[in-house]
Amino acid sequence: MYANAGREGANSTIDLRSDTVTRPSAGMREAMAAADVGDDVYGDDPTVRRLEERVASLLGKEDALFVTSGTQSNLVALLSHCGRGEEYIGGVGTHIAKYEAGGAAVLGGISPRHIQPKENGALDAGEVAATVQPDDPHFAITRLVCMENTLNGKIVPQSEIEAVAGAAREHGLSVHLDGARLMNAAVGSGKSAADLAAPADSVSLCLSKGLGAPAGSVLTGPTDFIARAKRNRKLLGGGLRQSGVLAACGLYALEHNIERLSQDHENAVELARNLTAMNGISLNHPVDTNMIWLTLAPGDNAPDLVAFMARRGIVLSGPDMTGGIRLVTHLDFDKAQIGTITDAFAAYVKA
């Protein structure tokens, strides 16, 4: 059982907004306190380097760079792949496209070209190829294709990722994979993280989404790419000093919190089954990992549901642009809470 017991600040609130709301466990805090540290800007922090080597090996890449967040990791990757006046192709609704404040354009002068992903979260390889700009001075130079796995909790079919990567390489493009929740995809698919990462030149792995670390992501790729990435991390103010105290959290998470992701997935499936048995509640798509996307019956008001649940100590994200509601299970979610949530939804439906 994975509960809040023994975690600092634990309370009776059930927070389903994201898998980023978890708190460090006692073991993770002990790892932080015991971390061997140095000045990482000088390359002197041994714990940071151990984390970078561990993630590079895990994802099958030559080298890696510890950064502060998934957003910084993706931005550093784009700045390292593309120059000003160049462009990347990505998916509408992906994290890079929607939730990173347009950083590639604002800070890097990199133009986005976003196409609609398929229902399964994959980009269409043919559409990617058709979106590449011709060699013409009227157009930005297409330099990169960005994909994401998982996307909105969906495990993107590996065959589709490979097809898009193949199309990218036929046009001389690099490939970046936003693998913020790649370990959920690995656990859910039964494939290794290295196999899932193989089609991409660079891959970002988030340590605070599902894996339970309080901060940090790791960007992986070829050694020369990581050298450029380190310069761009500095440009963005991401050079940290004794950051081994955070890297220790990442190492602890990789050691203890990967296999247990299956429990998050199982909890999400069970909770979704309970909720969709009620009148007026349906799924936007099947539950692959730890995310449930609910649609309410016409006439029901999602903000009213959020307020109703808040009064019962259940915290939900506000509705997305389609009116859907996302529920996310995580390390601090207790299987026993499924009954409490089910009862609260039943009361809402009955009200």
Protein backbone atom coordinates (compact mmCIF):
# COMPACT_ATOMS: atom_id res chain seq x y z
CA MET A 1 0.00 0.00 0.00
CA TYR A 2 1.34 3.43 -0.98
CA ALA A 3 -0.13 5.95 1.43
CA ASN A 4 0.60 9.33 2.96
CA ALA A 5 1.57 7.75 6.27
CA GLY A 6 5.00 8.89 7.47
CA ARG A 7 5.19 11.80 5.04
CA GLU A 8 5.75 15.28 6.38
CA GLY A 9 2.63 17.42 6.05
CA ALA A 10 0.34 14.44 5.37
CA ASN A 11 -3.35 15.24 5.82
CA SER A 12 -6.76 13.92 4.89
CA THR A 13 -6.96 15.84 1.61
CA ILE A 14 -7.00 13.68 -1.51
CA ASP A 15 -5.17 15.58 -4.24
CA LEU A 16 -5.83 14.28 -7.76
CA ARG A 17 -4.60 17.29 -9.71
CA SER A 18 -1.30 15.75 -10.80
CA ASP A 19 1.44 13.28 -9.92
CA THR A 20 3.64 16.30 -9.15
CA VAL A 21 1.93 16.91 -5.78
CA THR A 22 3.79 14.13 -3.96
CA ARG A 23 6.06 14.79 -0.99
CA PRO A 24 9.52 13.29 -0.45
CA SER A 25 9.47 10.12 1.62
CA ALA A 26 11.59 9.67 4.74
CA GLY A 27 14.03 7.56 2.74
CA MET A 28 14.36 10.24 0.07
CA ARG A 29 14.99 12.90 2.71
CA GLU A 30 17.71 10.71 4.23
CA ALA A 31 19.31 10.38 0.79
CA MET A 32 19.28 14.17 0.44
CA ALA A 33 20.93 14.64 3.83
CA ALA A 34 23.63 12.08 3.05
CA ALA A 35 24.40 13.31 -0.48
CA ASP A 36 28.05 13.88 -1.39
CA VAL A 37 28.08 17.29 -3.08
CA GLY A 38 30.30 19.76 -4.90
CA ASP A 39 29.91 22.78 -7.18
CA ASP A 40 28.14 21.42 -10.24
CA VAL A 41 28.81 24.55 -12.33
CA TYR A 42 32.46 23.47 -12.13
CA GLY A 43 31.44 19.85 -12.74
CA ASP A 44 32.42 18.93 -9.18
CA ASP A 45 29.22 17.40 -7.82
CA PRO A 46 29.63 13.60 -7.74
CA THR A 47 25.97 12.90 -6.98
CA VAL A 48 24.80 14.93 -9.97
CA ARG A 49 27.22 13.06 -12.18
CA ARG A 50 26.03 9.70 -10.85
CA LEU A 51 22.45 10.68 -11.66
CA GLU A 52 23.39 11.81 -15.16
CA GLU A 53 25.27 8.58 -15.82
CA ARG A 54 22.39 6.52 -14.42
CA VAL A 55 19.78 8.18 -16.63
CA ALA A 56 21.98 8.09 -19.73
CA SER A 57 22.39 4.34 -19.21
CA LEU A 58 18.68 3.87 -18.46
CA LEU A 59 17.68 5.58 -21.71
CA GLY A 60 20.49 4.17 -23.82
CA LYS A 61 22.13 7.52 -24.57
CA GLU A 62 25.76 8.67 -24.47
CA ASP A 63 25.43 11.47 -21.96
CA ALA A 64 22.98 13.41 -19.83
CA LEU A 65 22.44 16.75 -18.10
CA PHE A 66 20.57 17.41 -14.85
CA VAL A 67 18.27 20.44 -15.11
CA THR A 68 15.72 22.08 -12.86
CA SER A 69 12.48 21.08 -14.58
CA GLY A 70 10.86 19.38 -17.54
CA THR A 71 10.12 22.75 -19.11
CA GLN A 72 13.78 23.75 -18.85
CA SER A 73 14.85 20.37 -20.22
CA ASN A 74 12.66 20.72 -23.31
CA LEU A 75 13.71 24.33 -23.88
CA VAL A 76 17.39 23.49 -23.52
CA ALA A 77 16.85 20.67 -26.03
CA LEU A 78 15.18 22.96 -28.57
CA LEU A 79 17.87 25.61 -28.17
CA SER A 80 20.54 22.95 -28.68
CA HIS A 81 18.91 21.46 -31.79
CA CYS A 82 17.71 24.67 -33.49
CA GLY A 83 19.08 28.12 -34.27
CA ARG A 84 17.21 31.39 -34.46
CA GLY A 85 14.93 31.53 -37.47
CA GLU A 86 14.66 27.75 -37.63
CA GLU A 87 11.61 25.72 -36.69
CA TYR A 88 10.43 22.52 -35.07
CA ILE A 89 7.42 20.33 -35.86
CA GLY A 90 5.36 19.16 -32.89
CA GLY A 91 1.90 18.17 -31.80
CA VAL A 92 -1.04 20.37 -30.87
CA GLY A 93 -1.78 19.94 -27.16
CA THR A 94 1.63 18.55 -26.24
CA HIS A 95 3.43 20.01 -23.24
CA ILE A 96 5.96 21.87 -25.38
CA ALA A 97 3.20 23.38 -27.51
CA LYS A 98 0.72 24.27 -24.77
CA TYR A 99 2.27 24.48 -21.31
CA GLU A 100 5.78 25.94 -21.69
CA ALA A 101 4.94 29.62 -22.24
CA GLY A 102 6.15 29.60 -25.85
CA GLY A 103 9.72 29.58 -24.58
CA ALA A 104 11.27 28.29 -27.80
CA ALA A 105 9.88 31.26 -29.74
CA VAL A 106 10.23 33.84 -26.95
CA LEU A 107 13.78 33.00 -25.91
CA GLY A 108 15.18 31.08 -28.87
CA GLY A 109 13.62 32.68 -31.93
CA ILE A 110 12.47 29.17 -32.93
CA SER A 111 9.21 28.93 -34.85
CA PRO A 112 6.69 26.22 -33.90
CA ARG A 113 4.78 24.19 -36.50
CA HIS A 114 2.11 22.22 -34.67
CA ILE A 115 0.03 19.50 -36.27
CA GLN A 116 -2.89 17.58 -34.77
CA PRO A 117 -1.89 14.24 -33.21
CA LYS A 118 -3.92 11.13 -33.89
CA GLU A 119 -6.41 9.82 -31.35
CA ASN A 120 -3.67 7.55 -29.93
CA GLY A 121 -1.35 10.51 -29.32
CA ALA A 122 1.02 9.83 -32.22
CA LEU A 123 1.95 12.25 -34.95
CA ASP A 124 1.23 11.06 -38.47
CA ALA A 125 4.51 10.31 -40.23
CA GLY A 126 3.15 11.35 -43.62
CA GLU A 127 1.86 14.64 -42.27
CA VAL A 128 5.21 15.30 -40.59
CA ALA A 129 6.98 14.75 -43.90
CA ALA A 130 4.50 17.04 -45.69
CA THR A 131 5.03 19.77 -43.08
CA VAL A 132 8.78 20.02 -43.64
CA GLN A 133 9.53 23.34 -45.33
CA PRO A 134 11.14 23.34 -48.78
CA ASP A 135 14.62 24.75 -49.21
CA ASP A 136 13.44 28.26 -49.96
CA PRO A 137 14.53 31.57 -48.39
CA HIS A 138 10.86 32.50 -47.87
CA PHE A 139 10.53 29.84 -45.17
CA ALA A 140 12.07 29.01 -41.84
CA ILE A 141 14.42 26.03 -41.94
CA THR A 142 12.79 22.92 -40.47
CA ARG A 143 15.31 21.39 -38.09
CA LEU A 144 13.56 19.18 -35.51
CA VAL A 145 10.56 16.98 -34.76
CA CYS A 146 9.26 16.81 -31.17
CA MET A 147 7.12 13.99 -29.80
CA GLU A 148 5.79 13.14 -26.34
CA ASN A 149 5.29 9.80 -24.57
CA THR A 150 3.08 9.44 -22.59
CA LEU A 151 0.66 12.06 -23.95
CA ASN A 152 -2.30 12.85 -21.69
CA GLY A 153 -1.72 9.48 -20.05
CA LYS A 154 -1.78 7.57 -23.34
CA ILE A 155 1.09 5.26 -24.20
CA VAL A 156 1.94 6.27 -27.76
CA PRO A 157 2.45 3.19 -29.98
CA GLN A 158 6.15 2.62 -30.48
CA SER A 159 5.68 1.72 -34.14
CA GLU A 160 4.23 5.19 -34.75
CA ILE A 161 7.10 6.91 -32.94
CA GLU A 162 9.56 4.92 -35.04
CA ALA A 163 7.68 5.86 -38.23
CA VAL A 164 7.81 9.57 -37.40
CA ALA A 165 11.50 9.34 -36.51
CA GLY A 166 12.14 7.59 -39.82
CA ALA A 167 10.32 10.34 -41.71
CA ALA A 168 12.30 12.98 -39.82
CA ARG A 169 15.62 11.39 -40.72
CA GLU A 170 14.66 11.07 -44.38
CA HIS A 171 14.44 14.87 -44.34
CA GLY A 172 17.63 15.40 -42.34
CA LEU A 173 15.81 16.38 -39.14
CA SER A 174 16.69 15.61 -35.54
CA VAL A 175 14.15 14.07 -33.13
CA HIS A 176 13.44 15.09 -29.53
CA LEU A 177 11.21 13.03 -27.25
CA ASP A 178 9.54 14.68 -24.27
CA GLY A 179 9.57 11.63 -22.03
CA ALA A 180 8.44 13.41 -18.88
CA ARG A 181 6.43 10.30 -17.98
CA LEU A 182 8.43 7.84 -20.05
CA MET A 183 8.73 5.46 -17.09
CA ASN A 184 4.93 5.21 -16.98
CA ALA A 185 5.05 4.23 -20.64
CA ALA A 186 7.78 1.67 -19.94
CA VAL A 187 5.93 0.09 -17.01
CA GLY A 188 2.60 0.17 -18.83
CA SER A 189 3.91 -1.27 -22.10
CA GLY A 190 6.42 -3.75 -20.69
CA LYS A 191 9.13 -2.24 -22.92
CA SER A 192 12.43 -0.96 -21.60
CA ALA A 193 12.96 2.78 -21.31
CA ALA A 194 15.96 2.45 -23.65
CA ASP A 195 13.81 0.81 -26.33
CA LEU A 196 11.20 3.56 -26.04
CA ALA A 197 13.90 6.23 -26.23
CA ALA A 198 15.86 4.64 -29.09
CA PRO A 199 14.19 6.46 -32.03
CA ALA A 200 15.00 9.90 -30.59
CA ASP A 201 18.27 11.82 -30.66
CA SER A 202 17.47 13.50 -27.35
CA VAL A 203 15.09 12.50 -24.57
CA SER A 204 13.92 14.35 -21.46
CA LEU A 205 12.93 12.40 -18.33
CA CYS A 206 11.14 14.17 -15.46
CA LEU A 207 11.92 13.05 -11.91
CA SER A 208 9.02 14.87 -10.21
CA LYS A 209 6.15 13.40 -12.24
CA GLY A 210 5.19 10.03 -10.82
CA LEU A 211 8.69 9.23 -9.57
CA GLY A 212 8.28 11.33 -6.43
CA ALA A 213 11.28 13.68 -6.51
CA PRO A 214 10.59 17.29 -5.48
CA ALA A 215 12.30 18.80 -8.54
CA GLY A 216 14.48 18.04 -11.53
CA SER A 217 14.61 16.49 -14.97
CA VAL A 218 17.41 14.89 -16.94
CA LEU A 219 18.09 15.59 -20.63
CA THR A 220 19.91 12.83 -22.51
CA GLY A 221 21.57 12.58 -25.90
CA PRO A 222 24.92 12.43 -27.72
CA THR A 223 27.96 13.87 -25.94
CA ASP A 224 28.35 16.83 -28.32
CA PHE A 225 24.64 17.65 -27.96
CA ILE A 226 24.89 17.59 -24.16
CA ALA A 227 27.89 19.94 -24.34
CA ARG A 228 25.69 22.45 -26.21
CA ALA A 229 22.86 21.77 -23.78
CA LYS A 230 25.09 22.60 -20.80
CA ARG A 231 25.89 25.97 -22.33
CA ASN A 232 22.19 26.63 -22.94
CA ARG A 233 21.32 25.57 -19.39
CA LYS A 234 23.74 28.25 -18.17
CA LEU A 235 22.17 30.77 -20.56
CA LEU A 236 18.77 30.08 -18.96
CA GLY A 237 20.10 30.50 -15.43
CA GLY A 238 19.98 26.79 -14.74
CA GLY A 239 23.53 26.31 -13.48
CA LEU A 240 23.26 25.10 -9.88
CA ARG A 241 25.91 24.66 -7.22
CA GLN A 242 25.62 21.87 -4.62
CA SER A 243 22.69 20.37 -6.50
CA GLY A 244 23.60 16.85 -5.43
CA VAL A 245 21.00 17.25 -2.67
CA LEU A 246 18.37 17.26 -5.44
CA ALA A 247 20.14 14.73 -7.62
CA ALA A 248 20.08 12.35 -4.66
CA CYS A 249 16.29 12.53 -4.77
CA GLY A 250 16.39 11.52 -8.42
CA LEU A 251 18.67 8.58 -7.74
CA TYR A 252 16.43 7.45 -4.89
CA ALA A 253 13.36 7.77 -7.14
CA LEU A 254 14.93 5.68 -9.89
CA GLU A 255 15.90 3.01 -7.37
CA HIS A 256 12.60 2.80 -5.49
CA ASN A 257 9.74 4.35 -7.46
CA ILE A 258 9.71 2.90 -10.97
CA GLU A 259 8.20 -0.54 -10.49
CA ARG A 260 5.56 0.82 -8.14
CA LEU A 261 4.14 2.94 -10.98
CA SER A 262 2.10 -0.16 -11.85
CA GLN A 263 0.14 0.44 -8.63
CA ASP A 264 -0.74 3.95 -9.82
CA HIS A 265 -1.96 2.47 -13.10
CA GLU A 266 -4.04 -0.18 -11.34
CA ASN A 267 -5.57 2.40 -9.02
CA ALA A 268 -6.49 4.60 -11.97
CA VAL A 269 -8.15 1.71 -13.82
CA GLU A 270 -10.16 0.68 -10.74
CA LEU A 271 -11.24 4.24 -9.97
CA ALA A 272 -12.22 4.85 -13.60
CA ARG A 273 -14.29 1.65 -13.59
CA ASN A 274 -16.17 2.81 -10.50
CA LEU A 275 -16.84 6.31 -11.81
CA THR A 276 -17.96 5.36 -15.29
CA ALA A 277 -20.49 2.91 -13.84
CA MET A 278 -22.44 6.03 -12.77
CA ASN A 279 -24.94 7.80 -15.02
CA GLY A 280 -23.57 10.88 -16.71
CA ILE A 281 -19.85 10.11 -16.38
CA SER A 282 -17.77 8.70 -19.24
CA LEU A 283 -14.13 8.42 -20.26
CA ASN A 284 -12.53 10.56 -22.94
CA HIS A 285 -10.26 7.60 -23.72
CA PRO A 286 -9.25 4.32 -22.06
CA VAL A 287 -6.91 4.48 -19.07
CA ASP A 288 -3.39 3.41 -20.11
CA THR A 289 -1.41 4.70 -17.14
CA ASN A 290 -2.19 6.91 -14.15
CA MET A 291 -4.49 9.48 -15.76
CA ILE A 292 -8.27 9.42 -15.97
CA TRP A 293 -9.95 11.89 -18.31
CA LEU A 294 -13.66 12.22 -17.54
CA THR A 295 -16.47 13.78 -19.54
CA LEU A 296 -19.67 14.80 -17.78
CA ALA A 297 -23.15 14.49 -19.25
CA PRO A 298 -24.43 17.49 -21.23
CA GLY A 299 -25.75 20.10 -18.83
CA ASP A 300 -23.41 19.13 -15.99
CA ASN A 301 -20.99 21.85 -15.02
CA ALA A 302 -17.38 20.80 -14.47
CA PRO A 303 -16.52 23.79 -12.23
CA ASP A 304 -19.48 22.82 -10.03
CA LEU A 305 -18.00 19.31 -9.73
CA VAL A 306 -14.61 20.73 -8.76
CA ALA A 307 -16.21 22.88 -6.04
CA PHE A 308 -18.40 20.00 -4.83
CA MET A 309 -15.36 17.74 -4.44
CA ALA A 310 -13.29 20.45 -2.75
CA ARG A 311 -15.89 20.69 0.00
CA ARG A 312 -15.27 16.99 0.62
CA GLY A 313 -11.51 17.30 0.74
CA ILE A 314 -10.93 16.01 -2.81
CA VAL A 315 -8.88 18.36 -4.99
CA LEU A 316 -9.39 18.21 -8.76
CA SER A 317 -7.94 20.28 -11.59
CA GLY A 318 -10.29 22.68 -13.28
CA PRO A 319 -11.79 21.57 -16.58
CA ASP A 320 -9.71 21.68 -19.74
CA MET A 321 -10.84 23.56 -22.84
CA THR A 322 -13.21 20.73 -23.79
CA GLY A 323 -14.78 20.66 -20.34
CA GLY A 324 -13.06 17.38 -19.44
CA ILE A 325 -11.76 16.63 -15.95
CA ARG A 326 -8.37 14.99 -15.29
CA LEU A 327 -7.74 12.78 -12.26
CA VAL A 328 -4.19 11.56 -11.61
CA THR A 329 -3.14 8.78 -9.23
CA HIS A 330 0.33 8.91 -7.70
CA LEU A 331 2.79 7.91 -5.00
CA ASP A 332 0.82 9.61 -2.20
CA PHE A 333 -2.51 8.12 -3.32
CA ASP A 334 -3.81 5.33 -1.12
CA LYS A 335 -5.83 2.54 -2.74
CA ALA A 336 -8.26 2.83 0.17
CA GLN A 337 -9.12 6.34 -1.06
CA ILE A 338 -10.83 4.90 -4.12
CA GLY A 339 -13.93 4.21 -2.03
CA THR A 340 -13.99 7.76 -0.63
CA ILE A 341 -13.75 9.26 -4.12
CA THR A 342 -16.37 6.88 -5.50
CA ASP A 343 -18.80 7.81 -2.72
CA ALA A 344 -18.24 11.52 -3.34
CA PHE A 345 -18.92 11.18 -7.06
CA ALA A 346 -22.03 9.13 -6.33
CA ALA A 347 -23.26 11.94 -4.09
CA TYR A 348 -22.58 14.47 -6.86
CA VAL A 349 -24.45 12.42 -9.46
CA LYS A 350 -27.40 12.03 -7.07
CA ALA A 351 -27.49 15.70 -6.08
